[in-house]
Amino acid sequence: MIKVHCLAYSRAIRLVWLLEDLDQPYDLIPYDRTDQFRAPDVLQDVHPLGKSPVIEDGDLKLAESATCLRYIIDKYDDKTHRPDPQTAEFMRHEELLDYIESSFAGACMGVLLPAMQGNDPSDDARQSLQVHLDYVTSHLPETGLLFGAKAHLTDIQFSYLLANLDANGFLDNAPRVKTYWDALQKQPGYLAATKVAGPMAPKP
């Protein structure tokens, strides 16, 4: 059984969502944040960087959300959370899945970190975020999710950052991304995961 080391208000809830979607058993190991909203020191006993998520499956230990998501669907031979590998949509999905933490996350943290400290983000940070929100919008259909009615790995990967942006009002200038996030919150896996592991973002 996969163990999920899950820090409160963290990316780890993405993995819980996928496991709930797959109706697979897992062992959830929760961790509270410190008063400074940091990961507790005990997570360094799990991973040298004190990261969350971390999953364990027998002797295998993995961090990094996209890697963990891919591992889970491969382990259970799931064909429902990625497009058909023989299609161009598959490669678009894989590109977006990696884009989220390699590019989009940096733009998000440029506004979220100041907000968490009670400061206004710089104009440059806001402009950078808007460029990325416009880019995300360009990939979205007029309604619904990225690749149909059911959440794919890319949708699940977007959720954590969108939750935090929305909680701090940073989706107000990206109405299509906002409706996308609203649709994600209605997904059964999201509802199950947040019931078990708590919300992805604290209330400001």
C-alpha atoms as a PDB file:
ATOM      1  CA  MET A   1       0.000   0.000   0.000  1.00  0.00           C
ATOM      2  CA  ILE A   2       1.297   3.459  -0.906  1.00  0.00           C
ATOM      3  CA  LYS A   3       2.106   5.767   1.999  1.00  0.00           C
ATOM      4  CA  VAL A   4       1.434   9.464   1.379  1.00  0.00           C
ATOM      5  CA  HIS A   5       3.307  11.880   3.624  1.00  0.00           C
ATOM      6  CA  CYS A   6       0.907  14.804   3.515  1.00  0.00           C
ATOM      7  CA  LEU A   7       1.668  18.237   4.918  1.00  0.00           C
ATOM      8  CA  ALA A   8      -1.397  20.361   5.633  1.00  0.00           C
ATOM      9  CA  TYR A   9      -2.229  22.888   2.887  1.00  0.00           C
ATOM     10  CA  SER A  10       0.266  21.323   0.515  1.00  0.00           C
ATOM     11  CA  ARG A  11       0.831  19.823  -2.901  1.00  0.00           C
ATOM     12  CA  ALA A  12       0.433  16.372  -1.365  1.00  0.00           C
ATOM     13  CA  ILE A  13      -3.349  16.694  -1.567  1.00  0.00           C
ATOM     14  CA  ARG A  14      -2.973  16.273  -5.336  1.00  0.00           C
ATOM     15  CA  LEU A  15      -1.849  12.677  -4.775  1.00  0.00           C
ATOM     16  CA  VAL A  16      -4.720  11.977  -2.411  1.00  0.00           C
ATOM     17  CA  TRP A  17      -7.080  13.229  -5.125  1.00  0.00           C
ATOM     18  CA  LEU A  18      -5.662  10.781  -7.669  1.00  0.00           C
ATOM     19  CA  LEU A  19      -5.735   7.827  -5.278  1.00  0.00           C
ATOM     20  CA  GLU A  20      -9.327   8.639  -4.362  1.00  0.00           C
ATOM     21  CA  ASP A  21     -10.176   8.844  -8.065  1.00  0.00           C
ATOM     22  CA  LEU A  22      -8.668   5.389  -8.580  1.00  0.00           C
ATOM     23  CA  ASP A  23     -10.411   3.983  -5.497  1.00  0.00           C
ATOM     24  CA  GLN A  24      -7.101   2.571  -4.317  1.00  0.00           C
ATOM     25  CA  PRO A  25      -6.173   2.109  -0.654  1.00  0.00           C
ATOM     26  CA  TYR A  26      -3.409   4.288   0.768  1.00  0.00           C
ATOM     27  CA  ASP A  27      -1.911   5.159   4.112  1.00  0.00           C
ATOM     28  CA  LEU A  28      -2.204   8.897   4.757  1.00  0.00           C
ATOM     29  CA  ILE A  29       0.420  10.250   7.152  1.00  0.00           C
ATOM     30  CA  PRO A  30      -0.558  13.845   8.006  1.00  0.00           C
ATOM     31  CA  TYR A  31       1.707  16.625   9.251  1.00  0.00           C
ATOM     32  CA  ASP A  32       0.643  19.974  10.667  1.00  0.00           C
ATOM     33  CA  ARG A  33       2.446  23.163   9.731  1.00  0.00           C
ATOM     34  CA  THR A  34       4.358  25.156  12.318  1.00  0.00           C
ATOM     35  CA  ASP A  35       3.195  28.500  13.682  1.00  0.00           C
ATOM     36  CA  GLN A  36       5.371  30.061  10.974  1.00  0.00           C
ATOM     37  CA  PHE A  37       3.450  28.032   8.355  1.00  0.00           C
ATOM     38  CA  ARG A  38       6.505  25.908   7.622  1.00  0.00           C
ATOM     39  CA  ALA A  39       6.899  22.156   7.352  1.00  0.00           C
ATOM     40  CA  PRO A  40       7.806  20.531  10.677  1.00  0.00           C
ATOM     41  CA  ASP A  41      11.352  19.295  11.194  1.00  0.00           C
ATOM     42  CA  VAL A  42      10.110  15.712  11.365  1.00  0.00           C
ATOM     43  CA  LEU A  43       9.562  15.739   7.597  1.00  0.00           C
ATOM     44  CA  GLN A  44      13.348  15.871   7.204  1.00  0.00           C
ATOM     45  CA  ASP A  45      13.371  12.332   8.579  1.00  0.00           C
ATOM     46  CA  VAL A  46      11.199  11.360   5.608  1.00  0.00           C
ATOM     47  CA  HIS A  47      13.053  13.303   2.900  1.00  0.00           C
ATOM     48  CA  PRO A  48      16.394  15.165   3.157  1.00  0.00           C
ATOM     49  CA  LEU A  49      14.752  18.358   1.864  1.00  0.00           C
ATOM     50  CA  GLY A  50      11.804  18.095   4.259  1.00  0.00           C
ATOM     51  CA  LYS A  51       9.470  17.964   1.273  1.00  0.00           C
ATOM     52  CA  SER A  52       5.831  17.105   0.892  1.00  0.00           C
ATOM     53  CA  PRO A  53       4.519  15.238  -0.947  1.00  0.00           C
ATOM     54  CA  VAL A  54       6.577  12.136  -0.477  1.00  0.00           C
ATOM     55  CA  ILE A  55       5.221   8.708  -1.257  1.00  0.00           C
ATOM     56  CA  GLU A  56       6.600   5.371  -0.191  1.00  0.00           C
ATOM     57  CA  ASP A  57       5.809   2.104  -1.923  1.00  0.00           C
ATOM     58  CA  GLY A  58       7.839  -0.717  -0.426  1.00  0.00           C
ATOM     59  CA  ASP A  59      11.497   0.262  -0.748  1.00  0.00           C
ATOM     60  CA  LEU A  60      10.718   3.040  -3.233  1.00  0.00           C
ATOM     61  CA  LYS A  61      10.496   6.632  -2.013  1.00  0.00           C
ATOM     62  CA  LEU A  62       9.516   9.467  -4.367  1.00  0.00           C
ATOM     63  CA  ALA A  63       9.014  13.199  -4.109  1.00  0.00           C
ATOM     64  CA  GLU A  64       7.922  15.739  -6.768  1.00  0.00           C
ATOM     65  CA  SER A  65       4.220  15.847  -7.543  1.00  0.00           C
ATOM     66  CA  ALA A  66       4.367  15.130 -11.274  1.00  0.00           C
ATOM     67  CA  THR A  67       6.645  12.130 -10.766  1.00  0.00           C
ATOM     68  CA  CYS A  68       4.397  10.770  -8.040  1.00  0.00           C
ATOM     69  CA  LEU A  69       1.254  11.255 -10.143  1.00  0.00           C
ATOM     70  CA  ARG A  70       2.815   9.457 -13.091  1.00  0.00           C
ATOM     71  CA  TYR A  71       4.051   6.645 -10.850  1.00  0.00           C
ATOM     72  CA  ILE A  72       0.597   6.079  -9.358  1.00  0.00           C
ATOM     73  CA  ILE A  73      -1.200   5.777 -12.689  1.00  0.00           C
ATOM     74  CA  ASP A  74       1.528   3.503 -14.046  1.00  0.00           C
ATOM     75  CA  LYS A  75       1.401   1.321 -10.944  1.00  0.00           C
ATOM     76  CA  TYR A  76      -2.332   0.785 -11.326  1.00  0.00           C
ATOM     77  CA  ASP A  77      -2.271   0.700 -15.137  1.00  0.00           C
ATOM     78  CA  ASP A  78      -4.717   3.582 -15.277  1.00  0.00           C
ATOM     79  CA  LYS A  79      -5.689   4.844 -18.739  1.00  0.00           C
ATOM     80  CA  THR A  80      -8.221   7.474 -17.681  1.00  0.00           C
ATOM     81  CA  HIS A  81      -6.060  10.350 -16.405  1.00  0.00           C
ATOM     82  CA  ARG A  82      -3.993  11.024 -19.555  1.00  0.00           C
ATOM     83  CA  PRO A  83      -4.964  11.291 -23.235  1.00  0.00           C
ATOM     84  CA  ASP A  84      -4.207   8.411 -25.570  1.00  0.00           C
ATOM     85  CA  PRO A  85      -0.385   8.201 -25.952  1.00  0.00           C
ATOM     86  CA  GLN A  86      -0.785   7.956 -29.721  1.00  0.00           C
ATOM     87  CA  THR A  87      -2.273  11.451 -29.964  1.00  0.00           C
ATOM     88  CA  ALA A  88      -0.893  14.986 -30.040  1.00  0.00           C
ATOM     89  CA  GLU A  89      -3.098  15.712 -27.024  1.00  0.00           C
ATOM     90  CA  PHE A  90      -0.932  13.346 -24.982  1.00  0.00           C
ATOM     91  CA  MET A  91       2.186  15.424 -25.573  1.00  0.00           C
ATOM     92  CA  ARG A  92       0.287  18.661 -24.873  1.00  0.00           C
ATOM     93  CA  HIS A  93      -0.832  17.087 -21.600  1.00  0.00           C
ATOM     94  CA  GLU A  94       2.714  16.061 -20.682  1.00  0.00           C
ATOM     95  CA  GLU A  95       4.098  19.502 -21.516  1.00  0.00           C
ATOM     96  CA  LEU A  96       1.507  21.225 -19.330  1.00  0.00           C
ATOM     97  CA  LEU A  97       2.070  18.743 -16.506  1.00  0.00           C
ATOM     98  CA  ASP A  98       5.755  19.711 -16.379  1.00  0.00           C
ATOM     99  CA  TYR A  99       5.067  23.399 -17.056  1.00  0.00           C
ATOM    100  CA  ILE A 100       3.030  23.769 -13.881  1.00  0.00           C
ATOM    101  CA  GLU A 101       5.883  23.350 -11.428  1.00  0.00           C
ATOM    102  CA  SER A 102       8.755  24.328 -13.727  1.00  0.00           C
ATOM    103  CA  SER A 103       7.344  27.682 -14.911  1.00  0.00           C
ATOM    104  CA  PHE A 104       3.861  28.488 -13.614  1.00  0.00           C
ATOM    105  CA  ALA A 105       4.709  27.903  -9.948  1.00  0.00           C
ATOM    106  CA  GLY A 106       7.463  30.518  -9.996  1.00  0.00           C
ATOM    107  CA  ALA A 107       5.084  33.170 -11.297  1.00  0.00           C
ATOM    108  CA  CYS A 108       2.506  32.157  -8.696  1.00  0.00           C
ATOM    109  CA  MET A 109       4.960  32.315  -5.802  1.00  0.00           C
ATOM    110  CA  GLY A 110       6.051  35.759  -6.950  1.00  0.00           C
ATOM    111  CA  VAL A 111       2.679  37.069  -5.770  1.00  0.00           C
ATOM    112  CA  LEU A 112       1.781  34.498  -3.118  1.00  0.00           C
ATOM    113  CA  LEU A 113       4.891  34.849  -0.959  1.00  0.00           C
ATOM    114  CA  PRO A 114       4.475  38.619  -0.467  1.00  0.00           C
ATOM    115  CA  ALA A 115       0.758  38.122   0.181  1.00  0.00           C
ATOM    116  CA  MET A 116       1.501  35.521   2.857  1.00  0.00           C
ATOM    117  CA  GLN A 117       3.764  38.071   4.544  1.00  0.00           C
ATOM    118  CA  GLY A 118       1.088  40.751   4.436  1.00  0.00           C
ATOM    119  CA  ASN A 119       2.750  42.698   1.628  1.00  0.00           C
ATOM    120  CA  ASP A 120       1.571  43.781  -1.810  1.00  0.00           C
ATOM    121  CA  PRO A 121       3.272  41.972  -4.696  1.00  0.00           C
ATOM    122  CA  SER A 122       5.320  44.126  -7.045  1.00  0.00           C
ATOM    123  CA  ASP A 123       3.916  45.268 -10.361  1.00  0.00           C
ATOM    124  CA  ASP A 124       6.474  43.060 -12.108  1.00  0.00           C
ATOM    125  CA  ALA A 125       5.279  40.007 -10.170  1.00  0.00           C
ATOM    126  CA  ARG A 126       1.658  40.761 -11.003  1.00  0.00           C
ATOM    127  CA  GLN A 127       2.509  41.264 -14.663  1.00  0.00           C
ATOM    128  CA  SER A 128       4.452  37.986 -14.787  1.00  0.00           C
ATOM    129  CA  LEU A 129       1.526  36.126 -13.246  1.00  0.00           C
ATOM    130  CA  GLN A 130      -0.887  37.656 -15.736  1.00  0.00           C
ATOM    131  CA  VAL A 131       1.275  36.482 -18.646  1.00  0.00           C
ATOM    132  CA  HIS A 132       1.050  32.941 -17.302  1.00  0.00           C
ATOM    133  CA  LEU A 133      -2.664  33.158 -16.559  1.00  0.00           C
ATOM    134  CA  ASP A 134      -3.226  34.294 -20.142  1.00  0.00           C
ATOM    135  CA  TYR A 135      -1.145  31.334 -21.309  1.00  0.00           C
ATOM    136  CA  VAL A 136      -3.223  28.916 -19.232  1.00  0.00           C
ATOM    137  CA  THR A 137      -6.390  30.509 -20.608  1.00  0.00           C
ATOM    138  CA  SER A 138      -5.159  29.892 -24.146  1.00  0.00           C
ATOM    139  CA  HIS A 139      -5.080  26.148 -23.437  1.00  0.00           C
ATOM    140  CA  LEU A 140      -8.552  25.968 -21.939  1.00  0.00           C
ATOM    141  CA  PRO A 141     -11.689  25.161 -23.954  1.00  0.00           C
ATOM    142  CA  GLU A 142     -14.626  27.524 -23.643  1.00  0.00           C
ATOM    143  CA  THR A 143     -16.049  25.492 -20.771  1.00  0.00           C
ATOM    144  CA  GLY A 144     -15.000  22.568 -18.612  1.00  0.00           C
ATOM    145  CA  LEU A 145     -11.592  21.074 -17.933  1.00  0.00           C
ATOM    146  CA  LEU A 146      -8.494  20.809 -20.082  1.00  0.00           C
ATOM    147  CA  PHE A 147      -9.134  17.409 -21.670  1.00  0.00           C
ATOM    148  CA  GLY A 148     -12.816  16.689 -21.165  1.00  0.00           C
ATOM    149  CA  ALA A 149     -15.245  16.235 -18.315  1.00  0.00           C
ATOM    150  CA  LYS A 150     -12.937  14.112 -16.138  1.00  0.00           C
ATOM    151  CA  ALA A 151      -9.864  15.503 -14.402  1.00  0.00           C
ATOM    152  CA  HIS A 152      -6.542  14.439 -15.905  1.00  0.00           C
ATOM    153  CA  LEU A 153      -3.160  14.605 -14.193  1.00  0.00           C
ATOM    154  CA  THR A 154      -2.614  18.126 -15.494  1.00  0.00           C
ATOM    155  CA  ASP A 155      -5.883  19.333 -13.981  1.00  0.00           C
ATOM    156  CA  ILE A 156      -4.960  17.767 -10.647  1.00  0.00           C
ATOM    157  CA  GLN A 157      -1.499  19.340 -10.816  1.00  0.00           C
ATOM    158  CA  PHE A 158      -2.935  22.811 -11.464  1.00  0.00           C
ATOM    159  CA  SER A 159      -5.314  22.590  -8.500  1.00  0.00           C
ATOM    160  CA  TYR A 160      -2.959  23.448  -5.643  1.00  0.00           C
ATOM    161  CA  LEU A 161      -1.626  26.641  -7.191  1.00  0.00           C
ATOM    162  CA  LEU A 162      -5.061  27.744  -8.392  1.00  0.00           C
ATOM    163  CA  ALA A 163      -6.482  27.186  -4.911  1.00  0.00           C
ATOM    164  CA  ASN A 164      -3.898  29.503  -3.404  1.00  0.00           C
ATOM    165  CA  LEU A 165      -4.210  32.119  -6.126  1.00  0.00           C
ATOM    166  CA  ASP A 166      -7.977  32.194  -5.747  1.00  0.00           C
ATOM    167  CA  ALA A 167      -7.846  32.361  -1.952  1.00  0.00           C
ATOM    168  CA  ASN A 168      -5.785  35.539  -2.283  1.00  0.00           C
ATOM    169  CA  GLY A 169      -7.819  37.142  -5.064  1.00  0.00           C
ATOM    170  CA  PHE A 170      -5.260  36.652  -7.827  1.00  0.00           C
ATOM    171  CA  LEU A 171      -7.686  35.022 -10.255  1.00  0.00           C
ATOM    172  CA  ASP A 172      -9.908  38.084 -10.444  1.00  0.00           C
ATOM    173  CA  ASN A 173      -8.301  39.196 -13.727  1.00  0.00           C
ATOM    174  CA  ALA A 174      -8.456  35.725 -15.265  1.00  0.00           C
ATOM    175  CA  PRO A 175     -12.164  34.849 -15.429  1.00  0.00           C
ATOM    176  CA  ARG A 176     -11.731  31.723 -17.561  1.00  0.00           C
ATOM    177  CA  VAL A 177      -9.098  30.333 -15.175  1.00  0.00           C
ATOM    178  CA  LYS A 178     -11.430  31.161 -12.289  1.00  0.00           C
ATOM    179  CA  THR A 179     -14.311  29.194 -13.837  1.00  0.00           C
ATOM    180  CA  TYR A 180     -11.870  26.359 -14.527  1.00  0.00           C
ATOM    181  CA  TRP A 181     -10.901  26.308 -10.857  1.00  0.00           C
ATOM    182  CA  ASP A 182     -14.569  26.381  -9.868  1.00  0.00           C
ATOM    183  CA  ALA A 183     -15.151  23.321 -12.078  1.00  0.00           C
ATOM    184  CA  LEU A 184     -12.194  21.484 -10.552  1.00  0.00           C
ATOM    185  CA  GLN A 185     -13.669  21.931  -7.088  1.00  0.00           C
ATOM    186  CA  LYS A 186     -16.741  19.974  -8.189  1.00  0.00           C
ATOM    187  CA  GLN A 187     -14.712  16.914  -9.205  1.00  0.00           C
ATOM    188  CA  PRO A 188     -15.433  13.855  -7.019  1.00  0.00           C
ATOM    189  CA  GLY A 189     -11.743  13.200  -6.380  1.00  0.00           C
ATOM    190  CA  TYR A 190     -11.173  16.769  -5.212  1.00  0.00           C
ATOM    191  CA  LEU A 191     -14.143  16.601  -2.853  1.00  0.00           C
ATOM    192  CA  ALA A 192     -12.972  13.270  -1.427  1.00  0.00           C
ATOM    193  CA  ALA A 193      -9.358  14.393  -1.036  1.00  0.00           C
ATOM    194  CA  THR A 194     -10.137  17.649   0.727  1.00  0.00           C
ATOM    195  CA  LYS A 195     -12.537  15.839   3.041  1.00  0.00           C
ATOM    196  CA  VAL A 196      -9.756  13.457   4.063  1.00  0.00           C
ATOM    197  CA  ALA A 197      -6.693  15.730   3.942  1.00  0.00           C
ATOM    198  CA  GLY A 198      -8.157  19.209   4.383  1.00  0.00           C
ATOM    199  CA  PRO A 199      -8.228  22.219   2.047  1.00  0.00           C
ATOM    200  CA  MET A 200      -5.418  23.050  -0.367  1.00  0.00           C
ATOM    201  CA  ALA A 201      -5.214  26.669   0.736  1.00  0.00           C
ATOM    202  CA  PRO A 202      -5.791  28.354   4.081  1.00  0.00           C
ATOM    203  CA  LYS A 203      -8.261  31.159   4.328  1.00  0.00           C
ATOM    204  CA  PRO A 204      -6.404  34.491   4.096  1.00  0.00           C
END
